[in-house]
């Protein structure tokens, strides 16, 4: 019989042993023959790999597959026989609970049942069996090693009295993400914390995280072989159904991680783009997000989305998302060209508005800063104090709460009127696709007469955040513009020495707390001093 999957490191004699086991027939009403069960558990411990079997209604094995923890690819299934197949697979490491991938495979392949068996040092630790009901829910029941060997599988399938004791478990609606970072040790904690905040903003629950030193990373699979095995064990233990990496992955890394873990894989860029797709409200914002997503997806179309099609929907599929994976590259390029033309028209419209502003003589002040630093809160407070017209703005305690640009006219003095523009927040490792796609919006920064840099002074990485903002401004050729630095949230700064250190290193610093300060007069005074 053909054996599918990862056969690396398995001797020919051991393959022959597995072939011999495949000839054993499971008699009615057993779930699995006891000799066959003990044999695959023994080989699971020897190889430290999962073994998956498909057993048909006559008790014969119709397919065998071998793979790494939680990532074994199931043997091919013919659609007409899937509902007559039971899938039984081992979990090395002792965890016998069914993973979200197992449950999804049960539903997508319409199998009769799915059983996972925990194996540790050749011994069975327990088992969990799942059945798909007519109502679309999944019924699961756990067994001890003794109960597994004495199980009357035929009775389990037919008797309602036994089914009533089964725990009903719906397919997991909540996305549980496991986070991975390959970085220098001193940076990993901060980057993983930011990645967790990004995941929370996207509506994903964080199930766990690991990091690997950059020098041990892999160009082909992002993580080294040993760390990849550790990751698969974590995924199995936490029942995570999404893997999020803190870098932009190459198409090969993305594909190899999907194959190794068996779950949906998303990189930092894909996660940020997903958040932007949720946040975009205006026509311009939606066009910009779609352009950025298509530019990101184009080199990844070949072989991309294997796990997406298996698990369906969720984070990473909003905006153009999964439907664009079905488009060929020629059609994607045509769509990109169309979007670029649409955004070019928007830029022309903005240029007309800009010429009108220049004729009016009103200076433009652009708010810039790290995401969630308080830019929208500053503009709202400025509107309140200057009695400016316009709808109220509400900043959220989430990353990228503001996506679509907002411009307000403010009278900071009876004889002094300015325009102030709120812009999208910056972040470390900001995808280049966003800089390109949001050029129409970021031109507000490029054409500003003065920049107001809002910085969260209470953040322990405040200086690093400021460096990130300056680096992006340099990419936009805006590094030489006159800049005022608002050291925000000083009510949360623990030591005055930290505030003094920031003030000494940043341009025209003004410490304040937007939640406590009654007046923004120091800011208006500095603006008048720096503007021509």
Protein backbone atom coordinates (compact mmCIF):
# COMPACT_ATOMS: atom_id res chain seq x y z
CA UNK A 1 0.00 0.00 0.00
CA UNK A 2 1.21 3.52 -0.79
CA UNK A 3 2.21 5.53 2.29
CA UNK A 4 1.77 9.29 1.99
CA UNK A 5 3.54 12.09 3.82
CA UNK A 6 6.95 12.58 5.41
CA UNK A 7 9.02 9.37 5.27
CA UNK A 8 12.36 11.03 6.03
CA UNK A 9 14.41 9.21 8.67
CA UNK A 10 12.30 6.03 8.44
CA UNK A 11 14.22 2.85 7.64
CA UNK A 12 13.02 0.45 4.96
CA UNK A 13 12.47 -2.31 7.54
CA UNK A 14 10.19 0.00 9.53
CA UNK A 15 8.20 0.85 6.41
CA UNK A 16 7.77 -2.88 5.82
CA UNK A 17 6.54 -3.21 9.40
CA UNK A 18 3.91 -0.54 8.72
CA UNK A 19 2.96 -2.28 5.47
CA UNK A 20 2.43 -5.52 7.39
CA UNK A 21 0.20 -3.70 9.88
CA UNK A 22 -1.85 -2.27 7.00
CA UNK A 23 -2.97 -5.79 6.06
CA UNK A 24 -4.67 -6.33 9.44
CA UNK A 25 -8.44 -6.13 9.22
CA UNK A 26 -10.57 -4.55 11.94
CA UNK A 27 -13.53 -6.75 12.77
CA UNK A 28 -17.06 -5.55 13.45
CA UNK A 29 -17.88 -3.89 15.91
CA UNK A 30 -14.34 -2.67 16.82
CA UNK A 31 -13.07 0.85 16.21
CA UNK A 32 -9.60 -0.50 15.44
CA UNK A 33 -7.94 -3.90 15.76
CA UNK A 34 -5.93 -4.11 19.01
CA UNK A 35 -2.75 -5.46 17.34
CA UNK A 36 -2.95 -2.70 14.71
CA UNK A 37 -3.47 -0.10 17.44
CA UNK A 38 -0.45 -1.24 19.45
CA UNK A 39 1.65 -1.38 16.28
CA UNK A 40 0.99 2.21 15.16
CA UNK A 41 1.51 3.47 18.73
CA UNK A 42 4.91 1.74 18.87
CA UNK A 43 5.97 3.24 15.51
CA UNK A 44 4.67 6.67 16.55
CA UNK A 45 7.06 6.66 19.51
CA UNK A 46 9.99 5.39 17.42
CA UNK A 47 9.55 8.04 14.73
CA UNK A 48 8.06 10.83 16.88
CA UNK A 49 5.60 11.37 14.02
CA UNK A 50 1.87 11.12 13.62
CA UNK A 51 0.39 8.14 11.79
CA UNK A 52 -3.05 8.55 10.23
CA UNK A 53 -5.20 5.65 8.97
CA UNK A 54 -8.40 5.57 6.97
CA UNK A 55 -10.47 2.47 7.77
CA UNK A 56 -13.53 1.68 5.65
CA UNK A 57 -16.77 0.01 6.75
CA UNK A 58 -15.42 -3.46 5.90
CA UNK A 59 -12.58 -2.88 8.39
CA UNK A 60 -9.82 -2.62 5.80
CA UNK A 61 -7.24 0.18 5.69
CA UNK A 62 -7.71 2.32 2.57
CA UNK A 63 -4.98 4.92 3.23
CA UNK A 64 -1.98 5.67 5.43
CA UNK A 65 -0.16 8.98 6.01
CA UNK A 66 2.79 10.05 8.17
CA UNK A 67 3.68 13.57 9.24
CA UNK A 68 5.09 15.90 11.88
CA UNK A 69 3.11 16.84 14.98
CA UNK A 70 -0.32 18.27 14.12
CA UNK A 71 0.58 18.56 10.43
CA UNK A 72 0.05 15.10 8.95
CA UNK A 73 -1.63 15.33 5.56
CA UNK A 74 -4.49 12.88 5.38
CA UNK A 75 -4.51 10.24 2.65
CA UNK A 76 -6.55 11.07 -0.48
CA UNK A 77 -10.28 10.46 -0.12
CA UNK A 78 -12.75 9.73 -2.89
CA UNK A 79 -15.87 11.83 -2.34
CA UNK A 80 -18.26 8.89 -2.78
CA UNK A 81 -16.63 6.91 0.06
CA UNK A 82 -15.74 9.68 2.55
CA UNK A 83 -18.84 9.21 4.73
CA UNK A 84 -17.95 5.52 5.11
CA UNK A 85 -14.40 6.20 6.37
CA UNK A 86 -13.20 6.57 9.93
CA UNK A 87 -9.91 8.43 10.39
CA UNK A 88 -7.74 7.29 13.30
CA UNK A 89 -4.45 9.07 13.98
CA UNK A 90 -1.85 9.23 16.73
CA UNK A 91 -0.53 12.27 18.59
CA UNK A 92 3.07 11.84 19.80
CA UNK A 93 3.74 13.67 23.06
CA UNK A 94 0.71 12.23 24.86
CA UNK A 95 -1.92 14.89 24.06
CA UNK A 96 -4.96 12.93 22.87
CA UNK A 97 -7.33 15.90 22.34
CA UNK A 98 -8.57 16.58 18.82
CA UNK A 99 -7.15 19.78 17.32
CA UNK A 100 -9.18 22.39 15.43
CA UNK A 101 -7.54 21.10 12.23
CA UNK A 102 -8.82 17.59 13.02
CA UNK A 103 -12.36 18.89 13.51
CA UNK A 104 -12.20 20.96 10.33
CA UNK A 105 -11.00 17.92 8.36
CA UNK A 106 -13.88 15.84 9.75
CA UNK A 107 -16.37 18.43 8.47
CA UNK A 108 -14.71 19.34 5.14
CA UNK A 109 -14.11 15.67 4.14
CA UNK A 110 -17.47 14.47 5.55
CA UNK A 111 -15.80 11.55 7.33
CA UNK A 112 -17.78 9.07 9.41
CA UNK A 113 -15.63 9.83 12.47
CA UNK A 114 -12.29 11.29 13.54
CA UNK A 115 -10.26 9.81 16.41
CA UNK A 116 -7.03 11.08 17.95
CA UNK A 117 -4.92 8.83 20.20
CA UNK A 118 -2.31 10.23 22.56
CA UNK A 119 0.95 8.26 22.64
CA UNK A 120 3.80 8.72 25.12
CA UNK A 121 6.76 6.33 25.31
CA UNK A 122 4.80 3.78 23.29
CA UNK A 123 1.84 3.80 25.69
CA UNK A 124 -1.65 5.16 25.03
CA UNK A 125 -2.56 8.13 27.26
CA UNK A 126 -6.18 8.45 26.07
CA UNK A 127 -8.31 9.06 23.00
CA UNK A 128 -10.96 11.45 21.72
CA UNK A 129 -13.50 10.56 19.02
CA UNK A 130 -15.67 13.01 17.05
CA UNK A 131 -18.80 12.46 14.93
CA UNK A 132 -20.47 14.97 12.62
CA UNK A 133 -24.23 15.22 13.26
CA UNK A 134 -26.97 15.97 10.74
CA UNK A 135 -27.40 19.37 12.42
CA UNK A 136 -23.82 20.35 11.51
CA UNK A 137 -22.42 20.20 15.05
CA UNK A 138 -19.61 17.92 16.16
CA UNK A 139 -20.15 15.41 18.97
CA UNK A 140 -17.03 14.32 20.85
CA UNK A 141 -16.33 11.77 23.57
CA UNK A 142 -13.13 10.93 25.43
CA UNK A 143 -11.89 7.42 26.29
CA UNK A 144 -9.32 6.02 28.67
CA UNK A 145 -6.84 3.48 27.17
CA UNK A 146 -8.92 0.60 28.56
CA UNK A 147 -12.22 2.05 27.27
CA UNK A 148 -10.67 2.55 23.84
CA UNK A 149 -9.69 -1.12 23.53
CA UNK A 150 -13.15 -2.29 24.68
CA UNK A 151 -15.13 0.26 22.63
CA UNK A 152 -18.14 -1.03 20.68
CA UNK A 153 -17.86 1.34 17.72
CA UNK A 154 -20.93 0.00 15.89
CA UNK A 155 -23.09 0.59 18.95
CA UNK A 156 -21.66 4.10 19.33
CA UNK A 157 -22.80 4.92 15.79
CA UNK A 158 -26.33 3.63 16.22
CA UNK A 159 -27.48 3.84 19.83
CA UNK A 160 -29.03 7.17 20.82
CA UNK A 161 -28.58 6.30 24.52
CA UNK A 162 -24.82 6.40 24.07
CA UNK A 163 -24.96 9.46 21.82
CA UNK A 164 -26.79 11.36 24.55
CA UNK A 165 -23.73 11.05 26.77
CA UNK A 166 -21.51 12.63 24.12
CA UNK A 167 -20.40 16.20 24.61
CA UNK A 168 -21.53 18.46 21.77
CA UNK A 169 -18.78 20.74 20.51
CA UNK A 170 -19.39 23.22 17.70
CA UNK A 171 -16.69 23.87 15.18
CA UNK A 172 -14.43 26.59 16.61
CA UNK A 173 -15.77 30.01 15.65
CA UNK A 174 -13.14 31.91 17.62
CA UNK A 175 -9.77 32.28 15.98
CA UNK A 176 -6.93 31.40 18.33
CA UNK A 177 -3.55 32.61 17.18
CA UNK A 178 -0.09 31.42 18.12
CA UNK A 179 2.57 34.11 17.66
CA UNK A 180 6.12 33.55 16.40
CA UNK A 181 9.04 35.97 16.17
CA UNK A 182 12.54 35.42 14.80
CA UNK A 183 14.49 38.32 16.23
CA UNK A 184 17.31 39.37 18.52
CA UNK A 185 16.53 38.30 22.07
CA UNK A 186 16.49 41.85 23.45
CA UNK A 187 13.86 42.92 20.87
CA UNK A 188 11.68 39.80 20.83
CA UNK A 189 9.55 40.56 23.91
CA UNK A 190 8.58 44.04 22.71
CA UNK A 191 7.84 42.92 19.16
CA UNK A 192 5.74 39.97 20.35
CA UNK A 193 3.79 42.29 22.66
CA UNK A 194 3.06 44.58 19.71
CA UNK A 195 2.12 41.60 17.52
CA UNK A 196 -0.29 40.45 20.25
CA UNK A 197 -1.88 43.92 20.24
CA UNK A 198 -2.21 43.77 16.46
CA UNK A 199 -3.88 40.35 16.77
CA UNK A 200 -6.29 41.72 19.38
CA UNK A 201 -7.13 44.63 17.09
CA UNK A 202 -7.90 42.15 14.30
CA UNK A 203 -10.30 40.30 16.62
CA UNK A 204 -8.09 37.26 17.26
CA UNK A 205 -7.42 35.68 20.66
CA UNK A 206 -3.76 34.96 21.40
CA UNK A 207 -3.22 31.35 22.53
CA UNK A 208 0.55 31.50 23.03
CA UNK A 209 3.87 32.69 21.64
CA UNK A 210 7.49 31.67 21.08
CA UNK A 211 10.56 33.33 19.63
CA UNK A 212 13.75 32.09 18.04
CA UNK A 213 17.07 33.90 17.88
CA UNK A 214 17.60 35.44 14.47
CA UNK A 215 20.81 33.52 13.85
CA UNK A 216 18.94 30.20 14.10
CA UNK A 217 16.10 31.15 11.73
CA UNK A 218 15.60 29.49 8.35
CA UNK A 219 15.35 31.10 4.93
CA UNK A 220 13.10 28.28 3.72
CA UNK A 221 10.74 27.70 6.66
CA UNK A 222 11.30 30.82 8.85
CA UNK A 223 11.98 28.64 11.93
CA UNK A 224 14.76 26.10 12.41
CA UNK A 225 13.88 22.39 12.40
CA UNK A 226 13.99 21.94 16.19
CA UNK A 227 11.95 25.08 16.88
CA UNK A 228 9.43 24.00 14.24
CA UNK A 229 8.89 20.70 16.09
CA UNK A 230 8.48 22.63 19.36
CA UNK A 231 5.97 24.94 17.65
CA UNK A 232 3.87 22.02 16.42
CA UNK A 233 3.69 20.65 19.96
CA UNK A 234 2.54 24.06 21.23
CA UNK A 235 -0.09 24.27 18.48
CA UNK A 236 -1.43 20.87 19.48
CA UNK A 237 -1.52 21.76 23.19
CA UNK A 238 -3.15 25.17 22.75
CA UNK A 239 -5.57 24.21 19.93
CA UNK A 240 -4.46 27.32 18.02
CA UNK A 241 -5.90 27.51 14.50
CA UNK A 242 -3.89 30.47 13.15
CA UNK A 243 -0.12 31.01 13.12
CA UNK A 244 1.00 34.67 12.95
CA UNK A 245 4.65 35.49 12.24
CA UNK A 246 6.25 38.82 13.13
CA UNK A 247 7.89 39.34 9.73
CA UNK A 248 6.88 39.49 6.11
CA UNK A 249 7.33 35.91 4.94
CA UNK A 250 8.53 34.89 1.51
CA UNK A 251 6.08 32.81 -0.56
CA UNK A 252 8.26 29.73 0.10
CA UNK A 253 8.31 30.33 3.88
CA UNK A 254 4.55 30.80 3.91
CA UNK A 255 3.96 27.61 1.94
CA UNK A 256 6.42 25.53 4.00
CA UNK A 257 4.96 26.72 7.31
CA UNK A 258 1.45 25.86 6.14
CA UNK A 259 2.60 22.39 5.15
CA UNK A 260 4.53 21.87 8.42
CA UNK A 261 1.81 23.08 10.81
CA UNK A 262 -1.37 22.22 8.92
CA UNK A 263 -3.06 25.50 9.92
CA UNK A 264 -3.56 28.92 8.41
CA UNK A 265 -0.37 31.02 8.42
CA UNK A 266 -0.34 34.82 8.37
CA UNK A 267 2.63 37.18 8.46
CA UNK A 268 2.85 40.64 9.99
CA UNK A 269 2.07 42.38 6.69
CA UNK A 270 -1.01 40.23 6.06
CA UNK A 271 -2.25 40.93 9.60
CA UNK A 272 -1.83 44.71 9.24
CA UNK A 273 -3.56 44.63 5.85
CA UNK A 274 -6.45 42.70 7.40
CA UNK A 275 -6.83 45.39 10.10
CA UNK A 276 -6.78 48.08 7.43
CA UNK A 277 -9.48 46.21 5.48
CA UNK A 278 -11.67 46.28 8.62
CA UNK A 279 -10.99 49.97 9.30
CA UNK A 280 -11.42 51.45 5.80
CA UNK A 281 -14.74 53.28 5.54
CA UNK A 282 -14.35 55.81 2.72
CA UNK A 283 -14.15 54.90 -0.96
CA UNK A 284 -10.57 56.17 -1.04
CA UNK A 285 -9.58 54.09 1.98
CA UNK A 286 -11.08 50.93 0.51
CA UNK A 287 -9.31 51.49 -2.82
CA UNK A 288 -5.99 51.98 -1.05
CA UNK A 289 -6.40 48.87 1.08
CA UNK A 290 -7.38 46.70 -1.90
CA UNK A 291 -4.37 47.95 -3.88
CA UNK A 292 -2.03 47.16 -0.98
CA UNK A 293 -3.53 43.68 -0.53
CA UNK A 294 -3.27 42.81 -4.21
CA UNK A 295 0.32 44.03 -4.41
CA UNK A 296 1.06 41.80 -1.43
CA UNK A 297 -0.82 38.77 -2.81
CA UNK A 298 0.51 38.90 -6.37
CA UNK A 299 3.83 37.07 -5.76
CA UNK A 300 2.04 34.62 -3.43
CA UNK A 301 -0.74 33.43 -5.73
CA UNK A 302 0.97 30.17 -6.73
CA UNK A 303 0.24 27.57 -4.06
CA UNK A 304 -1.04 30.21 -1.66
CA UNK A 305 -4.01 29.74 0.58
CA UNK A 306 -3.98 25.97 1.02
CA UNK A 307 -4.87 26.33 4.70
CA UNK A 308 -7.27 29.19 3.96
CA UNK A 309 -9.35 26.98 1.72
CA UNK A 310 -9.34 24.26 4.37
CA UNK A 311 -10.27 26.42 7.35
CA UNK A 312 -12.11 29.21 5.53
CA UNK A 313 -12.65 32.90 6.29
CA UNK A 314 -11.37 34.80 9.28
CA UNK A 315 -8.33 36.99 9.79
CA UNK A 316 -6.32 37.58 6.63
CA UNK A 317 -9.28 37.10 4.26
CA UNK A 318 -11.06 40.44 4.59
CA UNK A 319 -10.99 43.00 1.81
CA UNK A 320 -10.17 41.30 -1.51
CA UNK A 321 -9.00 38.33 0.53
CA UNK A 322 -9.62 34.77 -0.51
CA UNK A 323 -11.65 35.54 -3.65
CA UNK A 324 -8.58 37.15 -5.21
CA UNK A 325 -6.63 33.94 -4.69
CA UNK A 326 -8.76 32.42 -7.40
CA UNK A 327 -7.76 35.10 -9.90
CA UNK A 328 -4.84 34.52 -12.21
CA UNK A 329 -1.91 36.88 -12.14
CA UNK A 330 -2.92 38.60 -15.37
CA UNK A 331 -6.31 39.60 -13.95
CA UNK A 332 -4.73 40.71 -10.67
CA UNK A 333 -2.30 42.96 -12.55
CA UNK A 334 -5.23 44.42 -14.50
CA UNK A 335 -7.06 45.13 -11.24
CA UNK A 336 -3.94 46.72 -9.73
CA UNK A 337 -3.62 48.97 -12.80
CA UNK A 338 -7.29 49.98 -12.49
CA UNK A 339 -6.90 50.81 -8.77
CA UNK A 340 -3.78 52.85 -9.44
CA UNK A 341 -5.71 54.86 -12.05
CA UNK A 342 -8.56 55.44 -9.57
CA UNK A 343 -6.13 56.62 -6.90
CA UNK A 344 -4.39 58.84 -9.45
CA UNK A 345 -7.73 60.58 -10.01
CA UNK A 346 -8.04 61.04 -6.25
CA UNK A 347 -4.56 62.56 -6.14
CA UNK A 348 -5.57 65.00 -8.89
CA UNK A 349 -8.64 65.95 -6.86
CA UNK A 350 -6.45 66.46 -3.79
CA UNK A 351 -4.11 68.61 -5.85
CA UNK A 352 -7.05 70.86 -6.78
CA UNK A 353 -7.97 71.15 -3.10
CA UNK A 354 -4.34 71.83 -2.24
CA UNK A 355 -4.12 74.68 -4.78
CA UNK A 356 -7.26 76.20 -3.26
CA UNK A 357 -5.66 75.96 0.18
CA UNK A 358 -2.46 77.56 -1.05
CA UNK A 359 -4.47 80.44 -2.56
CA UNK A 360 -6.28 80.86 0.77
CA UNK A 361 -2.94 81.15 2.54
CA UNK A 362 -3.93 78.66 5.27
CA UNK A 363 -0.99 76.60 6.57
CA UNK A 364 -1.40 72.82 6.84
CA UNK A 365 -0.31 71.04 10.02
CA UNK A 366 -0.07 67.25 9.72
CA UNK A 367 -0.36 65.02 12.78
CA UNK A 368 2.09 62.15 12.61
CA UNK A 369 3.17 59.51 15.10
CA UNK A 370 3.22 55.90 16.12
CA UNK A 371 -0.13 54.15 16.05
CA UNK A 372 -2.25 54.61 19.19
CA UNK A 373 -0.10 57.54 20.41
CA UNK A 374 -3.08 59.92 20.68
CA UNK A 375 -3.27 61.80 17.34
CA UNK A 376 -7.06 61.63 17.02
CA UNK A 377 -7.51 62.57 20.68
CA UNK A 378 -5.27 65.62 20.12
CA UNK A 379 -7.31 66.75 17.09
CA UNK A 380 -10.59 66.30 19.00
CA UNK A 381 -9.28 68.35 21.94
CA UNK A 382 -8.00 71.02 19.54
CA UNK A 383 -11.47 71.21 17.94
CA UNK A 384 -13.11 71.58 21.33
CA UNK A 385 -10.78 74.36 22.48
CA UNK A 386 -10.99 76.31 19.21
CA UNK A 387 -14.74 75.66 18.80
CA UNK A 388 -14.08 74.22 15.36
CA UNK A 389 -16.95 72.94 13.24
CA UNK A 390 -17.13 69.32 12.20
CA UNK A 391 -18.28 65.98 13.55
CA UNK A 392 -16.74 64.71 16.76
CA UNK A 393 -13.81 62.34 16.48
CA UNK A 394 -13.37 59.35 18.75
CA UNK A 395 -10.02 57.67 19.19
CA UNK A 396 -10.04 54.02 20.29
CA UNK A 397 -7.45 52.25 22.39
CA UNK A 398 -6.57 50.05 19.42
CA UNK A 399 -3.85 50.11 16.82
CA UNK A 400 -4.80 51.88 13.58
CA UNK A 401 -8.05 53.26 15.00
CA UNK A 402 -7.75 56.05 12.40
CA UNK A 403 -7.33 55.03 8.78
CA UNK A 404 -9.17 57.53 6.60
CA UNK A 405 -7.57 61.01 6.73
CA UNK A 406 -9.41 63.85 8.47
CA UNK A 407 -8.79 67.58 7.91
CA UNK A 408 -10.22 70.27 10.20
CA UNK A 409 -10.00 74.07 10.15
CA UNK A 410 -8.92 75.53 13.51
CA UNK A 411 -8.76 79.15 14.75
CA UNK A 412 -5.86 78.97 17.18
CA UNK A 413 -5.96 82.78 17.54
CA UNK A 414 -8.67 85.29 16.58
CA UNK A 415 -6.52 86.26 13.60
CA UNK A 416 -4.83 82.92 12.95
CA UNK A 417 -6.49 80.02 11.13
CA UNK A 418 -4.81 76.72 10.29
CA UNK A 419 -5.74 73.38 8.74
CA UNK A 420 -4.89 70.27 10.74
CA UNK A 421 -4.80 66.77 9.20
CA UNK A 422 -5.01 63.50 11.13
CA UNK A 423 -3.17 60.67 9.36
CA UNK A 424 -2.72 56.92 9.61
CA UNK A 425 -0.42 55.81 12.43
CA UNK A 426 3.04 54.43 11.76
CA UNK A 427 4.41 51.17 13.13
CA UNK A 428 7.61 49.14 13.12
CA UNK A 429 8.13 47.07 9.96
CA UNK A 430 5.40 49.07 8.18
CA UNK A 431 4.74 47.21 4.90
CA UNK A 432 6.08 48.99 1.83
CA UNK A 433 2.81 48.13 0.06
CA UNK A 434 1.04 50.48 2.47
CA UNK A 435 3.45 53.34 1.84
CA UNK A 436 2.91 52.95 -1.90
CA UNK A 437 -0.85 52.44 -1.78
CA UNK A 438 -1.46 55.24 0.74
CA UNK A 439 0.59 57.77 -1.17
CA UNK A 440 -2.54 59.81 -1.90
CA UNK A 441 -3.18 60.08 1.83
CA UNK A 442 0.44 60.51 2.88
CA UNK A 443 0.76 63.44 0.48
CA UNK A 444 -0.95 65.38 3.26
CA UNK A 445 2.23 64.78 5.24
CA UNK A 446 4.50 65.56 2.29
CA UNK A 447 2.73 68.87 1.58
CA UNK A 448 2.35 69.98 5.19
CA UNK A 449 4.00 73.21 6.30
CA UNK A 450 4.69 71.77 9.74
CA UNK A 451 4.52 68.35 11.41
CA UNK A 452 3.08 67.73 14.85
CA UNK A 453 4.65 64.49 16.12
CA UNK A 454 2.45 62.93 18.83
CA UNK A 455 4.49 60.56 21.01
CA UNK A 456 3.32 58.35 23.87
CA UNK A 457 5.94 59.42 26.42
CA UNK A 458 4.76 56.79 28.92
CA UNK A 459 5.66 53.87 26.64
CA UNK A 460 8.89 52.15 27.66
CA UNK A 461 9.88 52.05 23.97
CA UNK A 462 9.00 55.71 23.32
CA UNK A 463 12.40 56.60 21.86
CA UNK A 464 12.31 53.57 19.57
CA UNK A 465 8.81 54.58 18.44
CA UNK A 466 10.12 58.07 17.67
CA UNK A 467 12.97 56.54 15.64
CA UNK A 468 10.42 54.48 13.66
CA UNK A 469 8.38 57.62 12.85
CA UNK A 470 11.52 59.51 11.78
CA UNK A 471 12.62 56.62 9.55
CA UNK A 472 9.25 56.56 7.76
CA UNK A 473 9.26 60.35 7.40
CA UNK A 474 12.68 60.00 5.80
CA UNK A 475 11.23 57.50 3.30
CA UNK A 476 8.57 60.10 2.48
CA UNK A 477 11.26 62.79 2.05
CA UNK A 478 9.78 64.71 5.00
CA UNK A 479 12.62 64.41 7.49
CA UNK A 480 13.64 68.08 7.12
CA UNK A 481 10.20 69.59 7.76
CA UNK A 482 9.83 71.72 10.91
CA UNK A 483 8.49 69.42 13.63
CA UNK A 484 6.99 69.88 17.08
CA UNK A 485 7.05 66.84 19.40
CA UNK A 486 4.09 66.44 21.75
CA UNK A 487 5.20 64.27 24.68
CA UNK A 488 1.74 62.86 25.41
CA UNK A 489 0.46 60.88 28.42
CA UNK A 490 2.93 62.42 30.89
CA UNK A 491 0.45 61.58 33.66
CA UNK A 492 1.53 57.95 33.17
CA UNK A 493 5.30 58.60 33.12
CA UNK A 494 6.81 57.00 36.21
CA UNK A 495 10.12 58.88 36.41
CA UNK A 496 10.82 62.48 35.45
CA UNK A 497 14.29 61.44 34.24
CA UNK A 498 12.62 59.45 31.43
CA UNK A 499 10.72 62.55 30.35
CA UNK A 500 13.85 64.70 30.47
CA UNK A 501 15.72 62.14 28.36
CA UNK A 502 13.04 62.29 25.67
CA UNK A 503 12.88 66.09 25.77
CA UNK A 504 16.63 66.35 25.22
CA UNK A 505 16.64 64.14 22.13
CA UNK A 506 13.50 65.28 20.26
CA UNK A 507 12.70 68.46 18.34
CA UNK A 508 10.72 71.22 20.09
CA UNK A 509 9.28 69.01 22.88
CA UNK A 510 6.05 70.00 24.67
CA UNK A 511 5.06 67.70 27.57
CA UNK A 512 1.32 67.38 28.22
CA UNK A 513 -1.50 64.98 29.00
CA UNK A 514 -4.42 65.23 26.60
CA UNK A 515 -6.72 63.75 29.24
CA UNK A 516 -5.73 66.32 31.91
CA UNK A 517 -4.41 69.50 30.25
CA UNK A 518 -6.92 72.33 30.11
CA UNK A 519 -5.12 74.36 27.45
CA UNK A 520 -3.13 73.72 24.28
CA UNK A 521 -1.77 77.25 24.24
CA UNK A 522 1.89 76.10 24.43
CA UNK A 523 1.31 74.15 21.21
CA UNK A 524 -0.31 77.10 19.44
CA UNK A 525 2.53 79.38 20.56
CA UNK A 526 5.14 76.99 19.18
CA UNK A 527 3.23 76.62 15.88
CA UNK A 528 3.15 80.41 15.43
CA UNK A 529 6.85 80.58 16.22
CA UNK A 530 7.81 77.98 13.62
CA UNK A 531 5.37 78.87 10.83
CA UNK A 532 6.41 81.59 8.37
